[in-house]
Amino acid sequence: MRQIMSRTNVRRMDLIQFLYDENDWVTLDSIVQAVGCSEKTFLKDIAELEAIFPTIKINNIQKLYRLELENDSDIQQIMKYFLAEIPMLKMVEDMLYKPINHLNEVAEATNSSEPTMYRLLAEFNQFLRKQYNIEIKGRPYYFEGNEVDIRFFYYQYFTERYCIMEWPFPTIDEKPFEELILYFTKSNNLPMKFASFRSMKLMTAVNLLRGLAGHNIENIDDSIREYYDQKQKNPKFLQQAEYFQTTFGKPLDYDQIFDLFVNFNHTNHYFNYAELVEASQTDAKVKALLSDIEAMVSHLKKTFGLELTNPEAYIFTLYNTVLIDRQNTTSSFLLVDRIGNFCHKLKKKYPDFYQEVEQAAIYLVKHYNSKCTTTLQNYLIYIIFNHWDQLVVQLNEIEPKIYILVISDLDDFHVKAICDLANYYTSQNVIVEAFQDLTIDINNLEQSKYHIIATNVHIEQIKNKQIIFYDDLITNEVIIKVQKALFDVRANLKNS
């Protein structure tokens, strides 16, 4: 996608992302080397970025720079801005609603020239062919390729281009459309929550608009025939059918339902563990994948001393994920690799666990999915991590213990109260203890097991110890200092 962005926007996007990832003061030399620009260009870029985005500020002190956001979520809005600035994406969104006969129509709407649009179209088609095995042809301009791949591209586009509070389909009234979706998901016992419901709405809206334009997916099986036969005389179904006919001018028949909800019709996917186990008894491929997933789970449990309280739901979810074929809006990306970024952070926080999971994910995707990509491997890692109930808590509990020593010169009850407060604000793998010696011996403290010393009396700095002063009570400022000290200690323990 970067190849159809202007060089200026690519550079500015990289600049914002670099400063955001660093999350600290960065030297000017480091920035211009990472972004690949001159000092003059960098200074011009930050001035224009601050003008475009009032919620960001790039502070500087003696050639040190740091990005400040009013809200951390602003980074997502900034990336959506760069997507909105790509003329070809404006064109493909318009293609959902009307034919585009000439590129000069798009050029005028995006303040571009027609020759530039022809160049961008050629570059865009290179990206589409490589990433989705589709391309744009004309005139009038249209997508050529597998309809499943075309729709998947649209799923990705609308997911990344618009924020969660926006409804990007002007020809579809959101509220009655939600009721239609909820009727079918509830009657099929498909659980919907916030994130999955938004994804479902975007995918179904794209399916509807493509279908209304005559681009349908052929119904090659009767997987929902029984459901349709049971529901077609149901009063609630008839109510939805009337809404659909009146609003979109098409009957809500069997083929239309299949096309609308095609994302949930998979011959190789299962809705529960019992179906999966039953299939494994007659299908050798299902049995092999199921066996490998169960072996992976068993290995992770044994290696890290973990408990899995939701094994059946977890295993069938992993099974479906390994075989995923462009059905989930978060399984790939156009511009911002949120899943890849998540995995990068996961690797830094839990390196040993991540290494085991990564090896397993690479093996499973490589052996069982014909479309083996790094993106799919990262998505499987994401699912392995997030669908394991209480995994974060368990991984934190097995991390090395951190010891905090509390010293007070008031009385024994005061030091106990401070210990109680410290326990309240720290995690289970942090051990808080009161100072019990009759005198303070710096050499003894230096050799002690404690990583952090919280004290209301002055103590000189001690080698390899974090000293935090509290003025007789743990305030918000002290809590922040403790949390920072814990972060630094954990980092040192992992690196040692």
Foldseek 3Di string as FASTA:
>chain_A
DVVQADLLLVLLLQLVVVLLVVQDWDAQVVSCVSSVHDSVSVVVSQVVVCVVDVQWDWDDDPRITHIDGPDNCVNLVSQLVRLVLRLVLVVVVVVLPDFAQACVVSCVVNVHDRVSSVVSQVVVQVVCCVPQVWHWDDDSIDIDDDPLSVLLVQLQSVVSNDDLPDDPDVLDDPPLLLVLVVVVCVVVVNDDDSVRSSSLSSSLVSLVSCVLVPNFDDDPDCPCVVVQVVPVPPPVNVVNQVVCCVRSVDGCHDRNVCSSPVLPDDPQADDWLVVLVVVVVPDVLSVVLLVLLVVLVVVLCVVQVDDFPPVGVLSSVLSCLLADDSRTNLLDHDRDNPLVVVLVVVCLQQVVSSVSLLVSLQVSNVVRYPPDDPSSSSVSSVSNQPVRPCNVVSSVQSQAAAEEEEEEPPDPVLSVVQQVVVVVLDDPSYHYDYDDDPDDDLVCVLPDRHQEYEYCDDDDDHPNHHYHYDVSHCDPVSSVVVVVSVVVVSSVVVVD
